[in-house]
PDB file of N, CA and C in Angstrom:
ATOM      1  N   MET A   1       0.861  -1.247  -0.206  1.00  0.00           N
ATOM      2  CA  MET A   1      -0.247   0.123  -0.207  1.00  0.00           C
ATOM      3  C   MET A   1       0.576   1.024   0.136  1.00  0.00           C
ATOM      4  N   ALA A   2       2.080   1.441   0.705  1.00  0.00           N
ATOM      5  CA  ALA A   2       3.058   2.283   1.029  1.00  0.00           C
ATOM      6  C   ALA A   2       3.370   3.093  -0.524  1.00  0.00           C
ATOM      7  N   TYR A   3       3.898   1.816  -1.410  1.00  0.00           N
ATOM      8  CA  TYR A   3       4.485   1.982  -2.787  1.00  0.00           C
ATOM      9  C   TYR A   3       3.059   2.827  -3.666  1.00  0.00           C
ATOM     10  N   GLU A   4       1.944   2.472  -3.357  1.00  0.00           N
ATOM     11  CA  GLU A   4       0.785   3.008  -4.242  1.00  0.00           C
ATOM     12  C   GLU A   4       0.380   4.098  -3.739  1.00  0.00           C
ATOM     13  N   ARG A   5       0.589   4.550  -2.430  1.00  0.00           N
ATOM     14  CA  ARG A   5      -0.189   6.058  -1.960  1.00  0.00           C
ATOM     15  C   ARG A   5       1.041   6.703  -1.089  1.00  0.00           C
ATOM     16  N   ASP A   6       1.056   8.084  -1.159  1.00  0.00           N
ATOM     17  CA  ASP A   6       1.969   9.036  -0.921  1.00  0.00           C
ATOM     18  C   ASP A   6       1.473   9.204   0.682  1.00  0.00           C
ATOM     19  N   ASN A   7       0.487   8.682   0.940  1.00  0.00           N
ATOM     20  CA  ASN A   7      -0.157   9.481   2.604  1.00  0.00           C
ATOM     21  C   ASN A   7      -0.235   8.172   3.224  1.00  0.00           C
ATOM     22  N   ILE A   8       0.535   6.993   2.679  1.00  0.00           N
ATOM     23  CA  ILE A   8       0.869   5.654   3.755  1.00  0.00           C
ATOM     24  C   ILE A   8       2.309   5.689   3.958  1.00  0.00           C
ATOM     25  N   ASN A   9       2.723   5.400   4.866  1.00  0.00           N
ATOM     26  CA  ASN A   9       3.560   5.251   5.550  1.00  0.00           C
ATOM     27  C   ASN A   9       3.937   3.386   5.677  1.00  0.00           C
ATOM     28  N   GLY A  10       4.888   2.738   5.437  1.00  0.00           N
ATOM     29  CA  GLY A  10       5.254   0.955   5.498  1.00  0.00           C
ATOM     30  C   GLY A  10       6.774   0.900   6.079  1.00  0.00           C
ATOM     31  N   ASP A  11       6.863   0.569   7.061  1.00  0.00           N
ATOM     32  CA  ASP A  11       8.716   0.013   7.584  1.00  0.00           C
ATOM     33  C   ASP A  11       8.137  -1.282   8.124  1.00  0.00           C
ATOM     34  N   MET A  12       9.284  -1.999   8.216  1.00  0.00           N
ATOM     35  CA  MET A  12       9.552  -3.086   8.505  1.00  0.00           C
ATOM     36  C   MET A  12      10.829  -3.128   9.949  1.00  0.00           C
ATOM     37  N   VAL A  13      10.263  -3.553  10.944  1.00  0.00           N
ATOM     38  CA  VAL A  13      11.511  -3.283  11.906  1.00  0.00           C
ATOM     39  C   VAL A  13      11.421  -4.654  12.237  1.00  0.00           C
ATOM     40  N   GLY A  14      12.900  -5.276  12.451  1.00  0.00           N
ATOM     41  CA  GLY A  14      13.217  -5.920  13.143  1.00  0.00           C
ATOM     42  C   GLY A  14      13.085  -6.019  15.078  1.00  0.00           C
ATOM     43  N   ALA A  15      12.570  -6.924  15.742  1.00  0.00           N
ATOM     44  CA  ALA A  15      11.750  -6.726  17.019  1.00  0.00           C
ATOM     45  C   ALA A  15      12.904  -7.176  17.949  1.00  0.00           C
ATOM     46  N   GLN A  16      14.235  -7.861  17.511  1.00  0.00           N
ATOM     47  CA  GLN A  16      15.011  -7.983  18.145  1.00  0.00           C
ATOM     48  C   GLN A  16      16.238  -6.946  18.408  1.00  0.00           C
ATOM     49  N   GLU A  17      16.116  -6.566  17.086  1.00  0.00           N
ATOM     50  CA  GLU A  17      16.955  -5.141  16.739  1.00  0.00           C
ATOM     51  C   GLU A  17      16.642  -3.689  17.634  1.00  0.00           C
ATOM     52  N   PHE A  18      15.325  -3.620  17.357  1.00  0.00           N
ATOM     53  CA  PHE A  18      14.637  -2.326  18.214  1.00  0.00           C
ATOM     54  C   PHE A  18      13.386  -2.466  19.287  1.00  0.00           C
ATOM     55  N   MET A  19      14.376  -3.249  20.177  1.00  0.00           N
ATOM     56  CA  MET A  19      13.807  -3.474  21.255  1.00  0.00           C
ATOM     57  C   MET A  19      12.731  -2.555  22.059  1.00  0.00           C
ATOM     58  N   GLU A  20      12.941  -1.131  21.922  1.00  0.00           N
ATOM     59  CA  GLU A  20      12.258  -0.099  22.447  1.00  0.00           C
ATOM     60  C   GLU A  20      10.598   0.018  21.867  1.00  0.00           C
ATOM     61  N   LEU A  21      10.746  -0.067  20.203  1.00  0.00           N
ATOM     62  CA  LEU A  21       9.490  -0.239  19.426  1.00  0.00           C
ATOM     63  C   LEU A  21       9.049  -1.336  19.614  1.00  0.00           C
ATOM     64  N   ALA A  22       9.656  -2.319  19.841  1.00  0.00           N
ATOM     65  CA  ALA A  22       9.040  -3.929  20.174  1.00  0.00           C
ATOM     66  C   ALA A  22       8.226  -3.444  21.297  1.00  0.00           C
ATOM     67  N   GLN A  23       8.462  -3.277  22.144  1.00  0.00           N
ATOM     68  CA  GLN A  23       7.585  -2.650  23.498  1.00  0.00           C
ATOM     69  C   GLN A  23       6.537  -2.061  23.380  1.00  0.00           C
ATOM     70  N   LYS A  24       6.867  -0.806  22.750  1.00  0.00           N
ATOM     71  CA  LYS A  24       6.499   0.341  22.332  1.00  0.00           C
ATOM     72  C   LYS A  24       4.935  -0.600  22.018  1.00  0.00           C
ATOM     73  N   PHE A  25       4.937  -1.138  21.283  1.00  0.00           N
ATOM     74  CA  PHE A  25       4.125  -1.507  20.175  1.00  0.00           C
ATOM     75  C   PHE A  25       3.744  -3.161  20.363  1.00  0.00           C
ATOM     76  N   GLU A  26       4.182  -3.471  21.872  1.00  0.00           N
ATOM     77  CA  GLU A  26       3.506  -4.742  22.649  1.00  0.00           C
ATOM     78  C   GLU A  26       3.773  -5.868  21.716  1.00  0.00           C
ATOM     79  N   VAL A  27       5.162  -6.005  20.835  1.00  0.00           N
ATOM     80  CA  VAL A  27       4.909  -6.953  19.681  1.00  0.00           C
ATOM     81  C   VAL A  27       5.235  -8.309  20.776  1.00  0.00           C
ATOM     82  N   ARG A  28       4.680  -9.330  20.349  1.00  0.00           N
ATOM     83  CA  ARG A  28       4.560 -10.558  20.985  1.00  0.00           C
ATOM     84  C   ARG A  28       4.998 -11.740  20.104  1.00  0.00           C
ATOM     85  N   GLY A  29       4.403 -11.506  18.602  1.00  0.00           N
ATOM     86  CA  GLY A  29       4.838 -12.136  17.495  1.00  0.00           C
ATOM     87  C   GLY A  29       5.123 -11.268  16.456  1.00  0.00           C
ATOM     88  N   VAL A  30       5.198 -11.935  15.222  1.00  0.00           N
ATOM     89  CA  VAL A  30       5.077 -11.390  14.060  1.00  0.00           C
ATOM     90  C   VAL A  30       4.286 -12.390  12.958  1.00  0.00           C
ATOM     91  N   PRO A  31       3.655 -11.662  12.315  1.00  0.00           N
ATOM     92  CA  PRO A  31       3.957  -9.839  11.685  1.00  0.00           C
ATOM     93  C   PRO A  31       3.002  -9.586  12.642  1.00  0.00           C
ATOM     94  N   ARG A  32       3.363  -8.288  13.011  1.00  0.00           N
ATOM     95  CA  ARG A  32       2.612  -7.241  13.785  1.00  0.00           C
ATOM     96  C   ARG A  32       2.259  -6.095  12.988  1.00  0.00           C
ATOM     97  N   THR A  33       1.299  -5.710  12.594  1.00  0.00           N
ATOM     98  CA  THR A  33       1.081  -4.292  11.668  1.00  0.00           C
ATOM     99  C   THR A  33       0.289  -3.528  12.691  1.00  0.00           C
ATOM    100  N   VAL A  34       0.521  -2.512  13.032  1.00  0.00           N
ATOM    101  CA  VAL A  34       0.374  -1.190  13.156  1.00  0.00           C
ATOM    102  C   VAL A  34      -0.131  -0.418  12.647  1.00  0.00           C
ATOM    103  N   VAL A  35      -1.473   0.312  12.719  1.00  0.00           N
ATOM    104  CA  VAL A  35      -2.366   1.004  12.179  1.00  0.00           C
ATOM    105  C   VAL A  35      -2.823   2.437  12.944  1.00  0.00           C
ATOM    106  N   ASN A  36      -2.140   3.401  12.366  1.00  0.00           N
ATOM    107  CA  ASN A  36      -2.039   4.854  12.806  1.00  0.00           C
ATOM    108  C   ASN A  36      -1.700   5.020  14.560  1.00  0.00           C
ATOM    109  N   SER A  37      -0.672   4.283  14.617  1.00  0.00           N
ATOM    110  CA  SER A  37      -0.172   4.136  15.559  1.00  0.00           C
ATOM    111  C   SER A  37      -0.719   3.295  16.979  1.00  0.00           C
ATOM    112  N   SER A  38      -1.883   2.765  16.884  1.00  0.00           N
ATOM    113  CA  SER A  38      -2.633   2.506  18.034  1.00  0.00           C
ATOM    114  C   SER A  38      -3.598   1.458  17.900  1.00  0.00           C
ATOM    115  N   LYS A  39      -3.573   0.522  16.926  1.00  0.00           N
ATOM    116  CA  LYS A  39      -4.505  -0.052  16.424  1.00  0.00           C
ATOM    117  C   LYS A  39      -3.955  -1.474  15.833  1.00  0.00           C
ATOM    118  N   PHE A  40      -3.937  -2.446  15.746  1.00  0.00           N
ATOM    119  CA  PHE A  40      -3.001  -3.571  15.342  1.00  0.00           C
ATOM    120  C   PHE A  40      -3.687  -4.709  14.439  1.00  0.00           C
ATOM    121  N   ILE A  41      -2.681  -5.576  13.965  1.00  0.00           N
ATOM    122  CA  ILE A  41      -3.418  -6.737  13.100  1.00  0.00           C
ATOM    123  C   ILE A  41      -2.167  -7.702  13.487  1.00  0.00           C
ATOM    124  N   ASP A  42      -2.480  -8.541  14.144  1.00  0.00           N
ATOM    125  CA  ASP A  42      -1.382  -9.714  14.426  1.00  0.00           C
ATOM    126  C   ASP A  42      -1.640 -10.996  12.910  1.00  0.00           C
ATOM    127  N   GLY A  43      -0.502 -11.387  12.824  1.00  0.00           N
ATOM    128  CA  GLY A  43      -0.556 -12.403  12.200  1.00  0.00           C
ATOM    129  C   GLY A  43      -0.859 -12.242  10.695  1.00  0.00           C
ATOM    130  N   GLY A  44      -0.318 -13.306   9.694  1.00  0.00           N
ATOM    131  CA  GLY A  44      -0.762 -12.890   7.900  1.00  0.00           C
ATOM    132  C   GLY A  44      -1.931 -13.332   7.905  1.00  0.00           C
ATOM    133  N   LEU A  45      -2.565 -12.631   6.896  1.00  0.00           N
ATOM    134  CA  LEU A  45      -3.571 -12.293   6.141  1.00  0.00           C
ATOM    135  C   LEU A  45      -3.481 -12.611   5.047  1.00  0.00           C
ATOM    136  N   PRO A  46      -4.518 -13.130   4.062  1.00  0.00           N
ATOM    137  CA  PRO A  46      -4.698 -13.207   2.703  1.00  0.00           C
ATOM    138  C   PRO A  46      -4.854 -11.371   2.363  1.00  0.00           C
ATOM    139  N   GLU A  47      -3.955 -11.151   1.415  1.00  0.00           N
ATOM    140  CA  GLU A  47      -4.162 -10.015   0.701  1.00  0.00           C
ATOM    141  C   GLU A  47      -5.514  -9.264   0.826  1.00  0.00           C
ATOM    142  N   ARG A  48      -6.505  -9.617   0.484  1.00  0.00           N
ATOM    143  CA  ARG A  48      -8.166  -8.688   0.349  1.00  0.00           C
ATOM    144  C   ARG A  48      -8.218  -8.674   1.602  1.00  0.00           C
ATOM    145  N   GLN A  49      -8.164  -9.560   2.627  1.00  0.00           N
ATOM    146  CA  GLN A  49      -8.797  -9.673   3.898  1.00  0.00           C
ATOM    147  C   GLN A  49      -7.883  -8.558   5.071  1.00  0.00           C
ATOM    148  N   PHE A  50      -6.360  -8.808   4.442  1.00  0.00           N
ATOM    149  CA  PHE A  50      -5.660  -7.863   5.080  1.00  0.00           C
ATOM    150  C   PHE A  50      -5.623  -6.111   4.629  1.00  0.00           C
ATOM    151  N   LEU A  51      -5.905  -5.800   3.360  1.00  0.00           N
ATOM    152  CA  LEU A  51      -6.509  -4.879   3.014  1.00  0.00           C
ATOM    153  C   LEU A  51      -8.050  -4.277   3.636  1.00  0.00           C
ATOM    154  N   GLU A  52      -8.888  -5.312   3.706  1.00  0.00           N
ATOM    155  CA  GLU A  52     -10.277  -4.582   4.188  1.00  0.00           C
ATOM    156  C   GLU A  52      -9.597  -4.236   5.898  1.00  0.00           C
ATOM    157  N   ARG A  53      -9.346  -5.178   6.588  1.00  0.00           N
ATOM    158  CA  ARG A  53      -8.839  -4.712   8.011  1.00  0.00           C
ATOM    159  C   ARG A  53      -8.081  -3.493   8.291  1.00  0.00           C
ATOM    160  N   VAL A  54      -7.196  -3.464   7.199  1.00  0.00           N
ATOM    161  CA  VAL A  54      -6.557  -2.087   7.422  1.00  0.00           C
ATOM    162  C   VAL A  54      -7.528  -0.729   7.263  1.00  0.00           C
ATOM    163  N   LEU A  55      -8.200  -0.843   6.118  1.00  0.00           N
ATOM    164  CA  LEU A  55      -9.052   0.139   5.865  1.00  0.00           C
ATOM    165  C   LEU A  55     -10.301  -0.095   7.276  1.00  0.00           C
ATOM    166  N   GLU A  56     -10.762  -0.985   7.502  1.00  0.00           N
ATOM    167  CA  GLU A  56     -11.295  -0.753   8.686  1.00  0.00           C
ATOM    168  C   GLU A  56     -11.073  -0.228  10.096  1.00  0.00           C
ATOM    169  N   LEU A  57      -9.880  -0.460  10.510  1.00  0.00           N
ATOM    170  CA  LEU A  57      -8.969   0.312  11.706  1.00  0.00           C
ATOM    171  C   LEU A  57      -8.406   1.751  11.079  1.00  0.00           C
ATOM    172  N   ALA A  58      -8.301   2.137   9.904  1.00  0.00           N
ATOM    173  CA  ALA A  58      -8.075   3.302   9.732  1.00  0.00           C
ATOM    174  C   ALA A  58      -9.166   4.385   9.840  1.00  0.00           C
ATOM    175  N   ARG A  59     -10.569   3.897   9.625  1.00  0.00           N
ATOM    176  CA  ARG A  59     -11.724   4.157  10.018  1.00  0.00           C
ATOM    177  C   ARG A  59     -12.322   4.761  11.006  1.00  0.00           C
ATOM    178  N   SER A  60     -11.849   3.608  11.946  1.00  0.00           N
ATOM    179  CA  SER A  60     -12.661   3.284  13.143  1.00  0.00           C
ATOM    180  C   SER A  60     -12.348   4.491  13.833  1.00  0.00           C
ATOM    181  N   GLN A  61     -12.878   5.066  14.909  1.00  0.00           N
ATOM    182  CA  GLN A  61     -12.297   5.939  15.990  1.00  0.00           C
ATOM    183  C   GLN A  61     -12.290   5.287  16.903  1.00  0.00           C
ATOM    184  N   ASP A  62     -10.932   6.111  17.838  1.00  0.00           N
ATOM    185  CA  ASP A  62     -10.241   5.314  18.977  1.00  0.00           C
ATOM    186  C   ASP A  62     -11.190   5.508  20.230  1.00  0.00           C
TER     187      ASP A  62
END
C-alpha cells in the first residue's frame, strides 16, 4: 500500500534489533501490523482480508 499511496508509510522493523519499538507496540509475535500507531493486526492474512482490515481500522475512531 505504501508503494501506491504517498499518504501511507510502511516500515519493517526487526523486534530483536529495535527492542524499544517492540515494547512500545507490544510485539509478541510476527507479523504485527500497526495502523495509526494505536491499532494492530496480528498474524498474516490473505491480501484482500488484510486490506479490508487495514481500511476498517483506519476508519474507526479511538
